[in-house]
Amino acid sequence: MSDFNAIRDRAKKLIIVQFEERNHLLKQELDKAKGDAAARGLLRSGPMMGFVRSIVARELELRSVIAWESLVRVHKTLGARVYPSLRDELTNELNGYIREQYSSLSRVVEREANLAPESLSSDHGWKKNFDHIKKKHDIEVQLYVDSLQVEAGQATGGASYNFYGNVGAVQTGPYASANVVQRLSPEDYQALINALELVRTSLDIVQNLNPQKDDLLQIVDESVSELKGDNPNSTKIKTLLYTVAASIQTVASAKPAYETLKSALLPLGITLP
């Protein structure tokens, strides 16, 4: 079995399990949203369809993160070997998952759109989510492989420098390259916790997120608990925090909380618009 076949095989098992969990959670979230909308007589309304699209768009983004994190985790577990075709193989594999989930979630959007009048059930740029996510992760793959190549170069005789604290990049010669590996400090963890507390405060006064507010508050509490744990799971933290940030990004009253969380996520390597 080739190197990438082993990566593909192990990552697939990991990804499938997590996608099955997400299918269950997505159904719960949609059922709750529809139940709340029906109680207010808004089930077949334009705002409700917009809300459904935002839920599913966030789900597509989250699943792409899960697939990418799983591929990276398996690759590193198997030794993080770098070879010429690695970038293309990772890109093709990840894009396959994104394309597959886009098709699957498109059927969810189509099914839910059938509840609304035809004038409300058009695409409204749904495909743009796929194009944006694909482009973003193509860059992520490239940067990941580039970082491994730099580390491999250092390991074979290049000079290595360690910096603690905030640093941009240091170049030591005309042919040198710069590589920055960030590790979370206690201050970074506290900044994330503070940002989540601000998110919680903002959510308490938001009215237009009723179908999902309780779920978001639960994710915020779970994130804080994980951050305060003795051995925080970075993959889980990234997934949880990305979900929170994506959910409040367009909420006007939560804008300060979003900006604070956005800054606090930078040490984790998460860059938000």
Protein backbone atom coordinates (compact mmCIF):
# COMPACT_ATOMS: atom_id res chain seq x y z
CA MET A 1 0.00 0.00 0.00
CA SER A 2 1.42 3.42 -0.98
CA ASP A 3 1.89 6.18 1.55
CA PHE A 4 -1.19 8.07 0.45
CA ASN A 5 -3.38 4.99 0.23
CA ALA A 6 -2.65 4.43 3.92
CA ILE A 7 -3.50 8.06 4.69
CA ARG A 8 -6.69 7.85 2.62
CA ASP A 9 -7.82 4.61 4.26
CA ARG A 10 -7.35 5.73 7.85
CA ALA A 11 -8.67 9.24 7.31
CA LYS A 12 -11.79 7.94 5.59
CA LYS A 13 -12.74 5.86 8.62
CA LEU A 14 -12.22 8.83 10.90
CA ILE A 15 -14.13 11.24 8.65
CA ILE A 16 -17.11 8.95 8.08
CA VAL A 17 -17.71 8.58 11.82
CA GLN A 18 -17.63 12.34 12.32
CA PHE A 19 -19.89 13.01 9.32
CA GLU A 20 -22.43 10.53 10.72
CA GLU A 21 -22.45 12.52 13.95
CA ARG A 22 -22.89 15.75 12.01
CA ASN A 23 -25.86 14.30 10.06
CA HIS A 24 -27.62 13.62 13.34
CA LEU A 25 -26.82 17.06 14.76
CA LEU A 26 -27.84 18.84 11.54
CA LYS A 27 -31.23 17.10 11.56
CA GLN A 28 -31.75 18.14 15.17
CA GLU A 29 -30.85 21.75 14.39
CA LEU A 30 -33.13 21.92 11.34
CA ASP A 31 -36.04 20.25 13.16
CA LYS A 32 -35.70 22.70 16.03
CA ALA A 33 -35.56 25.67 13.65
CA LYS A 34 -38.63 24.47 11.72
CA GLY A 35 -40.56 23.76 14.90
CA ASP A 36 -39.91 27.25 16.19
CA ALA A 37 -40.77 28.82 12.83
CA ALA A 38 -44.00 26.79 12.57
CA ALA A 39 -45.07 27.91 16.04
CA ARG A 40 -44.76 31.52 14.84
CA GLY A 41 -46.43 30.87 11.48
CA LEU A 42 -43.17 31.42 9.56
CA LEU A 43 -42.39 27.91 8.32
CA ARG A 44 -43.04 28.77 4.65
CA SER A 45 -41.47 32.21 4.81
CA GLY A 46 -38.47 33.75 3.05
CA PRO A 47 -36.63 34.47 6.34
CA MET A 48 -37.00 30.84 7.35
CA MET A 49 -35.47 29.64 4.08
CA GLY A 50 -32.64 32.13 4.51
CA PHE A 51 -32.05 30.74 7.98
CA VAL A 52 -32.02 27.16 6.65
CA ARG A 53 -29.47 28.11 4.00
CA SER A 54 -27.25 29.73 6.63
CA ILE A 55 -27.41 26.60 8.79
CA VAL A 56 -26.49 24.33 5.87
CA ALA A 57 -23.77 26.68 4.59
CA ARG A 58 -22.17 26.64 8.04
CA GLU A 59 -22.46 22.85 8.05
CA LEU A 60 -20.60 22.57 4.75
CA GLU A 61 -17.80 24.76 6.10
CA LEU A 62 -17.62 22.74 9.29
CA ARG A 63 -17.46 19.41 7.44
CA SER A 64 -14.66 20.69 5.24
CA VAL A 65 -12.73 21.61 8.41
CA ILE A 66 -13.38 18.13 9.85
CA ALA A 67 -12.11 16.45 6.65
CA TRP A 68 -8.99 18.61 6.51
CA GLU A 69 -8.14 18.23 10.21
CA SER A 70 -8.58 14.46 9.89
CA LEU A 71 -6.27 14.21 6.88
CA VAL A 72 -3.61 16.29 8.64
CA ARG A 73 -3.94 14.24 11.82
CA VAL A 74 -3.49 10.95 9.98
CA HIS A 75 -0.62 12.27 7.86
CA LYS A 76 1.25 13.46 10.96
CA THR A 77 0.51 10.22 12.82
CA LEU A 78 2.03 8.25 9.94
CA GLY A 79 5.21 10.32 9.99
CA ALA A 80 4.36 13.44 7.95
CA ARG A 81 6.54 12.31 5.04
CA VAL A 82 6.88 14.91 2.26
CA TYR A 83 7.14 13.80 -1.38
CA PRO A 84 6.48 15.52 -4.75
CA SER A 85 2.87 14.44 -5.24
CA LEU A 86 1.72 15.04 -1.64
CA ARG A 87 0.17 18.46 -2.27
CA ASP A 88 -1.88 17.24 -5.24
CA GLU A 89 -2.98 14.09 -3.44
CA LEU A 90 -4.11 15.98 -0.34
CA THR A 91 -5.88 18.60 -2.47
CA ASN A 92 -7.71 16.01 -4.56
CA GLU A 93 -8.73 13.98 -1.53
CA LEU A 94 -10.01 17.00 0.39
CA ASN A 95 -11.83 18.41 -2.62
CA GLY A 96 -13.51 15.04 -3.06
CA TYR A 97 -14.96 15.27 0.44
CA ILE A 98 -16.02 18.88 -0.02
CA ARG A 99 -17.68 18.05 -3.36
CA GLU A 100 -19.42 15.00 -1.86
CA GLN A 101 -20.75 16.97 1.11
CA TYR A 102 -21.82 19.84 -1.12
CA SER A 103 -23.94 17.40 -3.15
CA SER A 104 -25.38 15.82 -0.02
CA LEU A 105 -26.18 19.13 1.66
CA SER A 106 -27.58 20.54 -1.59
CA ARG A 107 -30.24 17.85 -1.38
CA VAL A 108 -31.04 19.04 2.14
CA VAL A 109 -31.44 22.62 0.90
CA GLU A 110 -33.61 21.42 -1.99
CA ARG A 111 -35.79 19.34 0.30
CA GLU A 112 -36.32 22.19 2.72
CA ALA A 113 -36.96 24.63 -0.14
CA ASN A 114 -39.96 22.55 -1.14
CA LEU A 115 -41.65 23.84 2.02
CA ALA A 116 -41.51 27.40 0.71
CA PRO A 117 -43.29 29.07 -2.23
CA GLU A 118 -41.33 28.73 -5.47
CA SER A 119 -40.38 32.41 -5.41
CA LEU A 120 -38.52 31.77 -2.17
CA SER A 121 -36.77 28.55 -3.10
CA SER A 122 -34.11 29.75 -5.55
CA ASP A 123 -30.42 29.06 -5.04
CA HIS A 124 -29.50 32.50 -3.63
CA GLY A 125 -25.80 31.89 -4.19
CA TRP A 126 -25.64 28.51 -2.43
CA LYS A 127 -23.01 27.27 -4.89
CA LYS A 128 -20.77 30.20 -3.95
CA ASN A 129 -20.25 28.49 -0.60
CA PHE A 130 -18.69 25.50 -2.34
CA ASP A 131 -16.43 27.65 -4.53
CA HIS A 132 -15.27 29.76 -1.57
CA ILE A 133 -14.57 26.77 0.68
CA LYS A 134 -12.69 24.91 -2.05
CA LYS A 135 -10.43 27.90 -2.77
CA LYS A 136 -9.73 28.47 0.90
CA HIS A 137 -8.75 24.87 1.53
CA ASP A 138 -6.61 24.69 -1.60
CA ILE A 139 -4.52 27.42 0.05
CA GLU A 140 -4.53 25.57 3.38
CA VAL A 141 -3.12 22.45 1.71
CA GLN A 142 -0.40 24.44 -0.02
CA LEU A 143 0.65 26.17 3.21
CA TYR A 144 0.65 22.87 5.12
CA VAL A 145 2.94 21.17 2.60
CA ASP A 146 5.16 24.25 2.43
CA SER A 147 5.55 24.20 6.22
CA LEU A 148 6.53 20.52 6.14
CA GLN A 149 9.10 21.19 3.44
CA VAL A 150 10.64 23.98 5.51
CA GLU A 151 10.77 21.72 8.59
CA ALA A 152 12.38 18.95 6.51
CA GLY A 153 14.99 21.41 5.25
CA GLN A 154 15.82 22.44 8.80
CA ALA A 155 16.11 18.82 9.89
CA THR A 156 18.71 18.10 7.18
CA GLY A 157 21.19 20.73 8.30
CA GLY A 158 19.62 24.18 8.14
CA ALA A 159 19.82 26.42 11.16
CA SER A 160 16.88 26.26 13.55
CA TYR A 161 15.76 29.09 15.79
CA ASN A 162 13.13 28.93 18.53
CA PHE A 163 11.12 31.97 19.57
CA TYR A 164 8.66 32.24 22.43
CA GLY A 165 5.97 34.88 22.36
CA ASN A 166 4.59 36.82 19.39
CA VAL A 167 6.85 36.80 16.33
CA GLY A 168 6.28 37.49 12.65
CA ALA A 169 9.16 35.95 10.71
CA VAL A 170 12.95 35.99 10.88
CA GLN A 171 15.15 35.58 7.79
CA THR A 172 18.85 34.98 8.51
CA GLY A 173 20.38 35.09 5.05
CA PRO A 174 19.71 35.72 1.34
CA TYR A 175 18.60 32.12 0.75
CA ALA A 176 17.00 31.48 4.10
CA SER A 177 13.32 30.78 4.58
CA ALA A 178 11.16 31.61 7.56
CA ASN A 179 8.93 29.21 9.45
CA VAL A 180 6.76 30.01 12.45
CA VAL A 181 5.28 27.33 14.69
CA GLN A 182 2.81 28.73 17.17
CA ARG A 183 2.02 27.10 20.49
CA LEU A 184 -0.76 28.33 22.72
CA SER A 185 0.40 30.02 25.89
CA PRO A 186 -1.71 30.35 29.07
CA GLU A 187 -2.45 33.91 27.93
CA ASP A 188 -3.75 32.59 24.58
CA TYR A 189 -6.08 30.17 26.35
CA GLN A 190 -7.33 32.94 28.62
CA ALA A 191 -7.93 35.23 25.63
CA LEU A 192 -10.10 32.54 24.04
CA ILE A 193 -12.04 32.04 27.27
CA ASN A 194 -12.58 35.80 27.61
CA ALA A 195 -13.77 36.01 24.01
CA LEU A 196 -16.25 33.18 24.60
CA GLU A 197 -17.59 34.91 27.70
CA LEU A 198 -18.21 38.00 25.56
CA VAL A 199 -19.96 35.79 22.98
CA ARG A 200 -22.21 34.38 25.70
CA THR A 201 -23.12 37.87 26.89
CA SER A 202 -23.91 38.93 23.33
CA LEU A 203 -26.08 35.87 22.69
CA ASP A 204 -28.14 36.57 25.80
CA ILE A 205 -29.55 39.72 24.18
CA VAL A 206 -29.96 38.38 20.64
CA GLN A 207 -33.57 37.70 19.64
CA ASN A 208 -33.33 36.54 16.01
CA LEU A 209 -31.32 33.38 16.80
CA ASN A 210 -33.96 31.71 18.94
CA PRO A 211 -33.95 28.40 17.01
CA GLN A 212 -30.23 27.95 17.56
CA LYS A 213 -29.34 30.15 20.54
CA ASP A 214 -29.52 27.31 23.07
CA ASP A 215 -27.32 25.12 20.88
CA LEU A 216 -24.75 27.90 20.51
CA LEU A 217 -24.71 28.58 24.23
CA GLN A 218 -24.11 24.87 24.82
CA ILE A 219 -21.19 24.92 22.35
CA VAL A 220 -19.76 28.02 24.06
CA ASP A 221 -19.92 26.28 27.45
CA GLU A 222 -18.37 23.11 26.01
CA SER A 223 -15.57 25.17 24.46
CA VAL A 224 -14.80 26.93 27.74
CA SER A 225 -14.80 23.60 29.57
CA GLU A 226 -12.39 22.09 27.02
CA LEU A 227 -10.08 25.13 27.20
CA LYS A 228 -9.96 24.89 30.99
CA GLY A 229 -9.22 21.16 30.94
CA ASP A 230 -5.86 19.64 31.82
CA ASN A 231 -5.23 18.39 28.29
CA PRO A 232 -7.29 20.43 25.77
CA ASN A 233 -8.05 18.68 22.47
CA SER A 234 -6.91 21.22 19.85
CA THR A 235 -8.86 19.58 17.00
CA LYS A 236 -12.08 19.61 19.01
CA ILE A 237 -11.47 23.20 20.15
CA LYS A 238 -10.91 24.38 16.57
CA THR A 239 -14.14 22.75 15.39
CA LEU A 240 -16.20 24.13 18.28
CA LEU A 241 -14.81 27.65 18.04
CA TYR A 242 -15.17 27.78 14.27
CA THR A 243 -18.85 26.82 14.67
CA VAL A 244 -19.40 29.62 17.19
CA ALA A 245 -17.61 32.24 15.08
CA ALA A 246 -19.41 31.27 11.86
CA SER A 247 -22.76 31.39 13.65
CA ILE A 248 -22.39 34.91 15.05
CA GLN A 249 -20.51 36.43 12.11
CA THR A 250 -23.59 38.12 10.60
CA VAL A 251 -25.31 39.04 13.88
CA ALA A 252 -25.00 42.82 14.20
CA SER A 253 -25.26 42.96 17.99
CA ALA A 254 -22.57 40.27 18.34
CA LYS A 255 -20.05 42.09 16.13
CA PRO A 256 -17.72 43.12 19.00
CA ALA A 257 -17.74 39.54 20.31
CA TYR A 258 -17.01 38.19 16.81
CA GLU A 259 -14.04 40.55 16.35
CA THR A 260 -12.66 39.60 19.77
CA LEU A 261 -13.02 35.89 19.04
CA LYS A 262 -11.51 36.39 15.58
CA SER A 263 -8.35 37.86 17.12
CA ALA A 264 -8.16 35.20 19.81
CA LEU A 265 -8.33 32.43 17.18
CA LEU A 266 -5.21 33.56 15.32
CA PRO A 267 -2.80 31.57 17.56
CA LEU A 268 -4.76 28.44 16.60
CA GLY A 269 -4.10 29.16 12.93
CA ILE A 270 -7.75 30.06 12.21
CA THR A 271 -8.15 33.18 10.09
CA LEU A 272 -11.67 34.55 9.74
CA PRO A 273 -12.97 37.28 7.36
